[in-house]
Every structure is written in C-alpha cells, then in structure tokens.
Amino acid sequence: MPERAVRRPAAAALLAAACLVPAQADAHPKRRAGLWEVRSVNADSIGMPPTRFCVGDQTDSARAHLDRSPGARGSCTLGEFVRSGEAWVAESVCREGKSTVTGRAVATGDFENEYRIDTIVTHGTPGAAGRREDREAVVARWLGPCDPGQRPGDLVVPGMGTLNMDDGTFRAEPPSRAARGPAPARPVQPPSPAQPAGGVTPR
C-alpha cells in the first residue's frame, strides 16, 4: 500500500479528534469562578434585592450548570442546556394534574463578566384554548473573588442567610448591630441613704 494512502486515514483521524476536543470542552455553559450578583430584571419594581452566588471551578458541570440540575425533579423533567448558535437553550416539562407546564430558558452572554437568562413558561396542554405564558429574566454580573469564608455553591440571600446549593446546608444571617439598634441604657440606681453609726436605720 502506498505511504500516502496510509497517511490520509491517520491525518483524518487526528483531525476528527482535534475537532472533538472543543465540542467536549464546550458541552455546557461555564461561568468564571468568583462571586456573581444575580437579580431579576424587575427586581427594582418589586423591591427584591439581588442575590450573590459563589462559583467555583467545578460549580458548572454536566451534572449542574447555571444553577440547574438536569433530570427528573418530582413532577418535572429538566433538560440540560445545549448550544444553539450563540446562545444556550434548556427545556423543561412539568405535570400539574391534567395540564402540562413547559419552560424554555435561553442563556446568553460571555459568562466571564455577564450573562442573562430569559425564560418563557407556558401553562396548559398544547393546542388547548386559554393557554397562558409567563416571561421572566435574570441578569448576572461578575463582582470579583468570593468573599472570605464563602464556599463554592454558597447562595447569599440578603436578610435571610446563605444556602449552599451543593450540600443543602443553610447558615442564617446574623443580625447586625444596625438592625438591632443601640443597646438600651441601663437605669441609674439612686444612692442608698447613709447609715448612722451603729448600723441602726432611723425611723
């Protein structure tokens, strides 16, 4: 067999392997490690403060990414995020009695400094009258390294505490001095009457 014929299959195999590497490495969206601020787009109108989430190097994986764990969750089935052009799309289906609730989440951004997730939730059986759609969106921005004492997976909810999304542990937020207010002043005790010599109290 000519040497050129041997080289062609080998070169094709190497090229195919090289093409598979980016696809495997880019199999799911992966955020930059550090502290992210996540808020609803209508948070200002309803007075909801943003949350903060500590992302580690292994936080976003095939098992859980963008705070979503694909698979069956009670009456819901959550799909994983898959690449769709420049975006990532995840589908979900939930059963509520005889009706079906479907969700479609679209994530965009560079995941280094910012990202956004737009979600459309449709209530009702496909083709039925009276179907309703709810739309919501969250935006996130990278703040820097996680705060001292934080662990990857820590979700900080202002006014409540910290929930670790990996192991489910919860740490309540300690009340601040500002929330408690200044300590009440102690009452001043009046001086006791002077005792005469001999220790007898006058009547």
Protein backbone atom coordinates (compact mmCIF):
# COMPACT_ATOMS: atom_id res chain seq x y z
CA MET A 1 0.00 0.00 0.00
CA PRO A 2 1.42 3.44 -0.88
CA GLU A 3 2.67 5.50 2.03
CA ARG A 4 0.40 8.40 1.03
CA ALA A 5 -2.68 6.18 1.36
CA VAL A 6 -1.64 5.25 4.89
CA ARG A 7 -1.08 8.84 5.91
CA ARG A 8 -4.52 10.04 4.75
CA PRO A 9 -6.60 7.94 7.21
CA ALA A 10 -4.20 8.79 10.02
CA ALA A 11 -4.44 12.51 9.26
CA ALA A 12 -8.23 12.28 9.05
CA ALA A 13 -8.37 10.54 12.44
CA LEU A 14 -6.18 13.22 14.04
CA LEU A 15 -8.32 15.98 12.54
CA ALA A 16 -11.50 14.35 13.81
CA ALA A 17 -10.04 14.02 17.30
CA ALA A 18 -8.94 17.64 17.28
CA CYS A 19 -12.45 18.72 16.28
CA LEU A 20 -13.98 16.74 19.14
CA VAL A 21 -11.96 18.48 21.85
CA PRO A 22 -13.66 21.91 21.62
CA ALA A 23 -17.10 20.27 21.48
CA GLN A 24 -16.45 18.28 24.66
CA ALA A 25 -14.93 21.26 26.46
CA ASP A 26 -17.87 23.43 25.36
CA ALA A 27 -20.56 20.89 26.25
CA HIS A 28 -22.24 23.21 28.75
CA PRO A 29 -22.05 26.89 29.78
CA LYS A 30 -19.33 27.51 32.35
CA ARG A 31 -19.13 30.67 34.42
CA ARG A 32 -15.97 32.34 35.57
CA ALA A 33 -15.06 31.37 39.12
CA GLY A 34 -15.80 34.05 41.70
CA LEU A 35 -18.72 35.99 43.16
CA TRP A 36 -21.69 36.71 40.89
CA GLU A 37 -24.55 39.12 41.54
CA VAL A 38 -27.82 37.71 40.19
CA ARG A 39 -31.03 39.73 40.05
CA SER A 40 -34.40 39.66 38.37
CA VAL A 41 -34.91 42.27 35.67
CA ASN A 42 -37.97 43.57 37.53
CA ALA A 43 -36.28 43.45 40.94
CA ASP A 44 -36.33 47.23 41.34
CA SER A 45 -40.08 47.46 40.80
CA ILE A 46 -40.93 44.81 43.39
CA GLY A 47 -38.21 45.74 45.87
CA MET A 48 -36.36 42.45 45.67
CA PRO A 49 -32.61 42.72 46.40
CA PRO A 50 -30.17 40.80 44.22
CA THR A 51 -28.62 37.56 45.43
CA ARG A 52 -24.94 36.67 45.34
CA PHE A 53 -23.60 33.31 44.27
CA CYS A 54 -20.08 31.95 44.80
CA VAL A 55 -18.99 29.99 41.73
CA GLY A 56 -16.07 27.56 41.93
CA ASP A 57 -14.03 25.85 39.25
CA GLN A 58 -16.30 22.78 39.43
CA THR A 59 -19.64 24.52 40.07
CA ASP A 60 -20.75 24.35 36.43
CA SER A 61 -20.50 20.77 35.21
CA ALA A 62 -22.51 18.30 33.15
CA ARG A 63 -24.41 17.44 36.34
CA ALA A 64 -25.31 21.01 37.29
CA HIS A 65 -24.78 24.21 35.35
CA LEU A 66 -26.24 27.69 35.68
CA ASP A 67 -27.88 26.51 38.91
CA ARG A 68 -29.87 23.87 37.01
CA SER A 69 -29.62 20.10 37.58
CA PRO A 70 -30.93 18.20 34.53
CA GLY A 71 -33.15 15.17 35.10
CA ALA A 72 -36.38 14.28 36.86
CA ARG A 73 -37.35 16.55 39.75
CA GLY A 74 -40.67 15.43 41.22
CA SER A 75 -43.32 16.04 38.58
CA CYS A 76 -40.86 17.94 36.37
CA THR A 77 -38.22 16.89 33.88
CA LEU A 78 -35.46 19.46 33.40
CA GLY A 79 -33.38 19.33 30.27
CA GLU A 80 -29.75 20.37 30.13
CA PHE A 81 -28.50 23.49 28.39
CA VAL A 82 -27.45 22.76 24.81
CA ARG A 83 -25.75 25.06 22.36
CA SER A 84 -27.99 26.89 19.90
CA GLY A 85 -25.94 29.32 17.85
CA GLU A 86 -24.51 31.92 20.22
CA ALA A 87 -26.95 31.00 22.98
CA TRP A 88 -27.67 28.05 25.27
CA VAL A 89 -31.19 26.62 25.46
CA ALA A 90 -32.77 24.35 28.10
CA GLU A 91 -36.27 22.86 28.03
CA SER A 92 -38.43 21.66 30.92
CA VAL A 93 -41.78 19.87 31.22
CA CYS A 94 -43.92 19.69 34.36
CA ARG A 95 -47.23 17.95 35.01
CA GLU A 96 -49.94 19.71 37.02
CA GLY A 97 -52.92 17.38 37.18
CA LYS A 98 -54.22 17.06 33.64
CA SER A 99 -52.33 20.08 32.36
CA THR A 100 -48.76 20.49 31.23
CA VAL A 101 -46.38 23.34 32.02
CA THR A 102 -43.46 23.74 29.65
CA GLY A 103 -40.48 26.01 30.08
CA ARG A 104 -37.78 27.25 27.75
CA ALA A 105 -34.73 29.04 29.14
CA VAL A 106 -32.30 30.87 26.85
CA ALA A 107 -28.92 31.89 28.28
CA THR A 108 -26.73 34.47 26.55
CA GLY A 109 -23.55 36.33 27.45
CA ASP A 110 -19.84 35.67 27.75
CA PHE A 111 -20.08 34.01 31.24
CA GLU A 112 -16.82 35.79 32.09
CA ASN A 113 -18.28 39.14 33.08
CA GLU A 114 -22.03 38.88 32.50
CA TYR A 115 -24.88 36.68 31.34
CA ARG A 116 -28.66 36.75 31.05
CA ILE A 117 -31.30 34.01 31.18
CA ASP A 118 -34.71 34.62 29.56
CA THR A 119 -37.40 32.10 30.46
CA ILE A 120 -40.82 31.51 28.91
CA VAL A 121 -43.21 29.30 30.90
CA THR A 122 -46.34 28.09 29.11
CA HIS A 123 -49.31 26.76 31.09
CA GLY A 124 -51.87 24.40 29.56
CA THR A 125 -51.96 21.46 27.19
CA PRO A 126 -50.57 22.21 23.70
CA GLY A 127 -53.40 23.07 21.32
CA ALA A 128 -55.86 23.86 24.10
CA ALA A 129 -57.60 27.22 24.42
CA GLY A 130 -56.76 29.55 27.27
CA ARG A 131 -53.03 28.83 27.38
CA ARG A 132 -51.02 31.39 29.32
CA GLU A 133 -47.40 32.44 29.01
CA ASP A 134 -45.27 33.89 31.77
CA ARG A 135 -41.98 35.56 30.95
CA GLU A 136 -39.15 36.31 33.33
CA ALA A 137 -35.47 37.10 33.08
CA VAL A 138 -32.44 37.29 35.33
CA VAL A 139 -29.19 39.11 34.71
CA ALA A 140 -25.87 38.39 36.38
CA ARG A 141 -22.54 40.19 36.61
CA TRP A 142 -19.17 39.13 37.96
CA LEU A 143 -18.08 41.06 41.07
CA GLY A 144 -14.67 39.53 41.77
CA PRO A 145 -13.35 36.75 44.01
CA CYS A 146 -15.71 35.15 46.51
CA ASP A 147 -15.76 36.77 49.94
CA PRO A 148 -13.59 35.31 52.72
CA GLY A 149 -15.28 32.34 54.34
CA GLN A 150 -17.51 31.62 51.33
CA ARG A 151 -17.55 28.21 49.68
CA PRO A 152 -18.40 27.35 46.06
CA GLY A 153 -22.16 26.88 45.85
CA ASP A 154 -22.97 29.48 48.52
CA LEU A 155 -26.09 31.45 47.60
CA VAL A 156 -26.42 34.58 49.73
CA VAL A 157 -29.98 35.90 50.10
CA PRO A 158 -29.95 39.33 51.80
CA GLY A 159 -31.90 39.41 55.04
CA MET A 160 -32.16 35.62 55.25
CA GLY A 161 -28.80 33.86 55.11
CA THR A 162 -26.65 31.61 52.97
CA LEU A 163 -27.79 28.38 51.32
CA ASN A 164 -25.13 26.11 49.85
CA MET A 165 -26.55 24.68 46.65
CA ASP A 166 -24.16 21.71 46.70
CA ASP A 167 -24.80 20.18 50.12
CA GLY A 168 -28.04 21.94 51.13
CA THR A 169 -26.65 23.46 54.34
CA PHE A 170 -28.11 26.77 55.50
CA ARG A 171 -26.44 29.46 57.58
CA ALA A 172 -28.74 32.15 58.93
CA GLU A 173 -27.64 35.73 58.58
CA PRO A 174 -26.60 37.10 61.98
CA PRO A 175 -28.46 40.25 62.99
CA SER A 176 -26.36 43.34 62.53
CA ARG A 177 -25.90 45.99 65.19
CA ALA A 178 -27.58 48.48 62.90
CA ALA A 179 -30.65 46.24 62.65
CA ARG A 180 -30.76 45.74 66.42
CA GLY A 181 -30.29 49.42 67.17
CA PRO A 182 -28.27 50.84 70.04
CA ALA A 183 -28.24 48.91 73.29
CA PRO A 184 -30.73 50.33 75.83
CA ALA A 185 -29.21 52.43 78.58
CA ARG A 186 -29.10 50.83 81.97
CA PRO A 187 -31.30 52.59 84.63
CA VAL A 188 -29.35 54.62 87.15
CA GLN A 189 -29.79 53.28 90.67
CA PRO A 190 -30.40 56.05 93.29
CA PRO A 191 -27.78 56.17 96.05
CA SER A 192 -28.78 54.34 99.24
CA PRO A 193 -29.35 56.53 102.37
CA ALA A 194 -26.36 56.96 104.63
CA GLN A 195 -26.29 54.59 107.57
CA PRO A 196 -25.65 56.16 111.03
CA ALA A 197 -23.05 54.81 113.30
CA GLY A 198 -24.00 51.52 114.85
CA GLY A 199 -25.87 50.41 111.72
CA VAL A 200 -29.36 51.38 113.06
CA THR A 201 -31.69 52.76 110.44
CA PRO A 202 -33.64 55.84 111.64
CA ARG A 203 -37.41 55.51 111.72
